[in-house]
Amino acid sequence: MALKEHSENFFILDENDPLAKCITKAYRWYSPKFSPRDVPRFADVGSITECPEAMRGIRDFLVQRYQAMEEKPTHILGFDARGFLFGPMLAAELSIPFVLMRKADKNAGLLIKSEPYDKEYKEAAPEVMTIRLGSIGKGSRVVLIDDVLATGGTALSGLQLVEVSGATVVEMVTVLALPFLKGVEKIHSTANGKYRDVKFIALASEDSLTEENCGDSPDYNGPRVLSYNDALKRL
């Protein structure tokens, strides 16, 4: 499986690779009318979790990648909440801990929090990520995992938490990247290039998604969320 360098320390799986093709075929995107966010094309990770072939391919590719490393990862750190879909199966196969990185103060115990970050869509208030103090530390080699890399705000919060724990980032991996938002470039230039050596891996590019990937219901004009009773009437 061939990773192609999109920009410095940013690699995307070749679009002709069987896994990239599988992920691209399975992905569905939705317009604002059928999406929980007001973005032009909302990539729905549920379309990937509903495809066993894609999930197995993601697992096997990453397990083989990390098993082959001379200095292997010691922890997988997953972003709230979609990183939780991929990280546990990877950590279990590698027999290493999966660490929850959660929003605000949702983790239990004594917490470390990131600086507030921005995303490709606006929230009511700035968000932060947290991990439990001691869940990673000096000597830990950490892979960060999420579903999508967009503007880089969420990813940056994870890098801050690894840094302040005294741990080392192996790389950050996502299923999909949105290269046009230049998230990796923004992260690499942050804080005078503090994170410029961090490697980013994506298994597919949003550039490969076409109109055929659109999951909108073109002839539907009702509310996006149906009530229990309204759904019963459609049976």
Protein backbone atom coordinates (compact mmCIF):
# COMPACT_ATOMS: atom_id res chain seq x y z
CA MET A 1 0.00 0.00 0.00
CA ALA A 2 1.54 3.25 -1.18
CA LEU A 3 1.40 6.49 0.76
CA LYS A 4 1.98 9.58 -1.38
CA GLU A 5 3.43 12.75 0.10
CA HIS A 6 0.90 15.54 -0.36
CA SER A 7 3.06 18.12 1.41
CA GLU A 8 5.89 17.97 3.93
CA ASN A 9 5.13 15.29 6.54
CA PHE A 10 1.59 14.83 5.18
CA PHE A 11 0.87 11.56 3.41
CA ILE A 12 -2.32 10.28 1.76
CA LEU A 13 -2.89 6.73 0.60
CA ASP A 14 -2.71 6.49 -3.19
CA GLU A 15 -6.21 6.82 -4.62
CA ASN A 16 -5.64 3.67 -6.69
CA ASP A 17 -4.82 1.59 -3.63
CA PRO A 18 -7.56 -1.01 -2.92
CA LEU A 19 -8.14 0.32 0.61
CA ALA A 20 -8.42 3.92 -0.59
CA LYS A 21 -10.87 2.79 -3.26
CA CYS A 22 -12.92 0.87 -0.71
CA ILE A 23 -13.10 3.83 1.68
CA THR A 24 -13.94 6.26 -1.13
CA LYS A 25 -16.70 4.01 -2.44
CA ALA A 26 -18.23 3.60 1.02
CA TYR A 27 -18.11 7.26 2.10
CA ARG A 28 -21.27 9.34 1.94
CA TRP A 29 -21.39 13.10 2.21
CA TYR A 30 -24.44 15.27 2.89
CA SER A 31 -25.39 18.85 2.05
CA PRO A 32 -26.38 21.26 4.85
CA LYS A 33 -30.06 20.32 4.43
CA PHE A 34 -29.33 16.74 5.50
CA SER A 35 -26.36 17.37 7.76
CA PRO A 36 -25.90 18.22 11.46
CA ARG A 37 -23.42 20.95 10.44
CA ASP A 38 -23.61 23.88 8.07
CA VAL A 39 -20.77 22.84 5.79
CA PRO A 40 -20.95 22.26 2.02
CA ARG A 41 -20.16 18.53 2.23
CA PHE A 42 -20.41 16.77 5.58
CA ALA A 43 -18.53 13.46 5.43
CA ASP A 44 -20.51 10.89 7.42
CA VAL A 45 -18.28 8.44 9.28
CA GLY A 46 -21.33 6.23 9.80
CA SER A 47 -21.05 5.21 6.16
CA ILE A 48 -17.63 3.74 7.00
CA THR A 49 -18.66 1.95 10.20
CA GLU A 50 -21.55 0.41 8.26
CA CYS A 51 -19.09 -1.10 5.78
CA PRO A 52 -17.33 -4.14 7.33
CA GLU A 53 -14.91 -4.35 4.42
CA ALA A 54 -13.72 -0.79 5.02
CA MET A 55 -13.42 -1.28 8.76
CA ARG A 56 -11.41 -4.49 8.36
CA GLY A 57 -9.19 -2.80 5.78
CA ILE A 58 -8.50 0.17 8.06
CA ARG A 59 -7.72 -2.10 10.99
CA ASP A 60 -5.43 -4.40 9.03
CA PHE A 61 -3.53 -1.60 7.31
CA LEU A 62 -2.78 0.23 10.56
CA VAL A 63 -1.98 -2.90 12.56
CA GLN A 64 0.54 -4.01 9.93
CA ARG A 65 2.00 -0.50 9.77
CA TYR A 66 2.61 -0.23 13.50
CA GLN A 67 3.73 -3.82 14.01
CA ALA A 68 6.43 -3.23 11.39
CA MET A 69 7.88 -0.20 13.17
CA GLU A 70 11.18 -0.67 14.96
CA GLU A 71 10.03 1.67 17.74
CA LYS A 72 6.42 0.61 18.12
CA PRO A 73 3.61 2.74 19.55
CA THR A 74 2.82 2.24 23.22
CA HIS A 75 -0.58 4.02 23.24
CA ILE A 76 -3.40 4.94 20.87
CA LEU A 77 -5.04 8.29 21.67
CA GLY A 78 -8.51 8.80 20.17
CA PHE A 79 -10.40 12.04 19.69
CA ASP A 80 -13.91 12.49 21.06
CA ALA A 81 -15.95 11.02 19.61
CA ARG A 82 -15.26 9.57 16.18
CA GLY A 83 -11.72 8.55 17.01
CA PHE A 84 -13.35 6.15 19.45
CA LEU A 85 -14.72 4.19 16.48
CA PHE A 86 -11.29 3.20 15.18
CA GLY A 87 -8.83 3.46 18.04
CA PRO A 88 -10.05 0.62 20.29
CA MET A 89 -9.92 -2.07 17.58
CA LEU A 90 -6.42 -0.95 16.65
CA ALA A 91 -5.19 -0.83 20.25
CA ALA A 92 -6.67 -4.25 21.02
CA GLU A 93 -4.89 -5.83 18.03
CA LEU A 94 -1.61 -4.21 19.10
CA SER A 95 -2.16 -5.11 22.80
CA ILE A 96 -1.61 -1.52 23.92
CA PRO A 97 -3.88 0.92 25.80
CA PHE A 98 -6.48 3.07 24.10
CA VAL A 99 -6.71 6.49 25.77
CA LEU A 100 -9.87 8.59 25.60
CA MET A 101 -9.38 12.23 24.67
CA ARG A 102 -12.68 13.84 25.62
CA LYS A 103 -14.24 17.25 25.26
CA ALA A 104 -14.37 19.68 28.19
CA ASP A 105 -14.41 17.83 31.52
CA LYS A 106 -16.10 14.58 30.47
CA ASN A 107 -13.18 12.38 31.51
CA ALA A 108 -12.99 11.21 35.11
CA GLY A 109 -10.07 11.86 37.43
CA LEU A 110 -7.48 14.63 37.47
CA LEU A 111 -7.40 16.10 33.97
CA ILE A 112 -5.12 18.05 31.64
CA LYS A 113 -6.85 20.28 29.11
CA SER A 114 -5.73 21.71 25.81
CA GLU A 115 -5.99 25.29 24.70
CA PRO A 116 -9.35 26.20 23.07
CA TYR A 117 -9.49 25.31 19.39
CA ASP A 118 -11.47 26.19 16.28
CA LYS A 119 -13.04 23.78 13.81
CA GLU A 120 -14.40 23.96 10.29
CA TYR A 121 -17.81 24.71 11.79
CA LYS A 122 -18.57 27.00 14.71
CA GLU A 123 -19.67 25.80 18.15
CA ALA A 124 -21.61 27.85 20.70
CA ALA A 125 -18.47 28.14 22.83
CA PRO A 126 -14.77 27.38 22.27
CA GLU A 127 -13.95 23.71 22.81
CA VAL A 128 -11.05 22.06 24.62
CA MET A 129 -9.88 18.45 24.81
CA THR A 130 -8.85 16.66 27.98
CA ILE A 131 -7.02 13.50 29.00
CA ARG A 132 -6.56 11.98 32.44
CA LEU A 133 -3.26 12.92 34.05
CA GLY A 134 -0.97 9.90 33.90
CA SER A 135 -2.79 8.12 31.06
CA ILE A 136 0.29 8.82 28.94
CA GLY A 137 3.67 10.07 30.10
CA LYS A 138 7.41 10.15 29.57
CA GLY A 139 8.42 7.23 27.40
CA SER A 140 4.98 6.88 25.82
CA ARG A 141 4.94 6.70 22.02
CA VAL A 142 1.51 7.84 20.91
CA VAL A 143 -0.53 7.44 17.74
CA LEU A 144 -3.41 9.92 17.53
CA ILE A 145 -6.49 8.84 15.57
CA ASP A 146 -9.64 10.55 14.30
CA ASP A 147 -12.06 10.21 11.40
CA VAL A 148 -11.36 13.47 9.55
CA LEU A 149 -8.55 16.00 9.35
CA ALA A 150 -10.00 19.38 8.35
CA THR A 151 -8.74 22.73 9.67
CA GLY A 152 -6.43 21.07 12.18
CA GLY A 153 -7.86 22.65 15.34
CA THR A 154 -8.87 19.38 16.96
CA ALA A 155 -5.61 17.71 15.95
CA LEU A 156 -3.61 20.55 17.49
CA SER A 157 -5.35 20.03 20.82
CA GLY A 158 -4.21 16.41 20.82
CA LEU A 159 -0.62 17.36 20.05
CA GLN A 160 -0.67 19.81 22.95
CA LEU A 161 -1.84 17.10 25.35
CA VAL A 162 0.83 14.65 24.22
CA GLU A 163 3.48 17.36 24.56
CA VAL A 164 2.44 18.45 28.04
CA SER A 165 2.41 14.82 29.18
CA GLY A 166 6.05 14.43 28.21
CA ALA A 167 5.16 11.78 25.61
CA THR A 168 6.19 11.47 21.96
CA VAL A 169 3.92 11.59 18.90
CA VAL A 170 4.49 8.72 16.48
CA GLU A 171 2.03 10.18 13.98
CA MET A 172 -1.57 11.23 13.57
CA VAL A 173 -3.81 9.13 11.36
CA THR A 174 -7.26 9.91 9.96
CA VAL A 175 -9.57 8.04 7.63
CA LEU A 176 -10.30 11.13 5.51
CA ALA A 177 -8.41 14.38 4.90
CA LEU A 178 -9.69 17.66 3.50
CA PRO A 179 -6.44 18.97 1.98
CA PHE A 180 -7.95 22.21 0.66
CA LEU A 181 -8.40 23.45 4.24
CA LYS A 182 -4.60 23.20 4.75
CA GLY A 183 -4.93 21.90 8.30
CA VAL A 184 -1.55 20.18 8.31
CA GLU A 185 0.21 23.27 7.02
CA LYS A 186 -1.43 25.35 9.76
CA ILE A 187 -0.35 22.92 12.46
CA HIS A 188 3.21 22.71 11.15
CA SER A 189 3.51 26.51 11.23
CA THR A 190 1.96 26.93 14.71
CA ALA A 191 4.12 28.21 17.56
CA ASN A 192 7.14 28.87 15.37
CA GLY A 193 7.00 25.39 13.88
CA LYS A 194 6.94 23.47 17.17
CA TYR A 195 5.00 20.61 15.54
CA ARG A 196 6.55 20.73 12.08
CA ASP A 197 8.07 17.25 12.41
CA VAL A 198 4.76 15.55 13.24
CA LYS A 199 3.72 13.14 10.50
CA PHE A 200 0.10 13.04 9.32
CA ILE A 201 -1.42 10.05 7.53
CA ALA A 202 -4.80 9.94 5.75
CA LEU A 203 -6.31 6.87 4.12
CA ALA A 204 -8.45 8.80 1.64
CA SER A 205 -8.88 12.35 0.37
CA GLU A 206 -12.08 14.36 0.21
CA ASP A 207 -10.95 15.31 -3.30
CA SER A 208 -11.85 11.77 -4.40
CA LEU A 209 -15.50 12.07 -3.31
CA THR A 210 -17.91 12.89 -6.16
CA GLU A 211 -21.61 13.54 -6.61
CA GLU A 212 -22.09 9.78 -6.55
CA ASN A 213 -21.06 9.85 -2.89
CA CYS A 214 -23.87 12.25 -2.00
CA GLY A 215 -26.33 10.68 0.43
CA ASP A 216 -29.02 13.36 0.19
CA SER A 217 -32.64 12.33 -0.40
CA PRO A 218 -33.35 14.51 -3.46
CA ASP A 219 -37.15 14.21 -3.46
CA TYR A 220 -37.65 14.71 0.28
CA ASN A 221 -38.85 18.11 1.58
CA GLY A 222 -39.86 17.37 5.17
CA PRO A 223 -37.96 17.77 8.45
CA ARG A 224 -34.55 16.09 8.63
CA VAL A 225 -35.35 14.46 11.98
CA LEU A 226 -38.52 12.39 12.09
CA SER A 227 -40.42 11.79 15.31
CA TYR A 228 -41.18 8.27 16.48
CA ASN A 229 -44.82 8.60 15.40
CA ASP A 230 -43.94 10.08 12.00
CA ALA A 231 -41.47 7.28 11.37
CA LEU A 232 -44.14 4.70 12.25
CA LYS A 233 -46.40 6.15 9.56
CA ARG A 234 -43.74 5.47 6.94
CA LEU A 235 -43.67 1.72 7.61
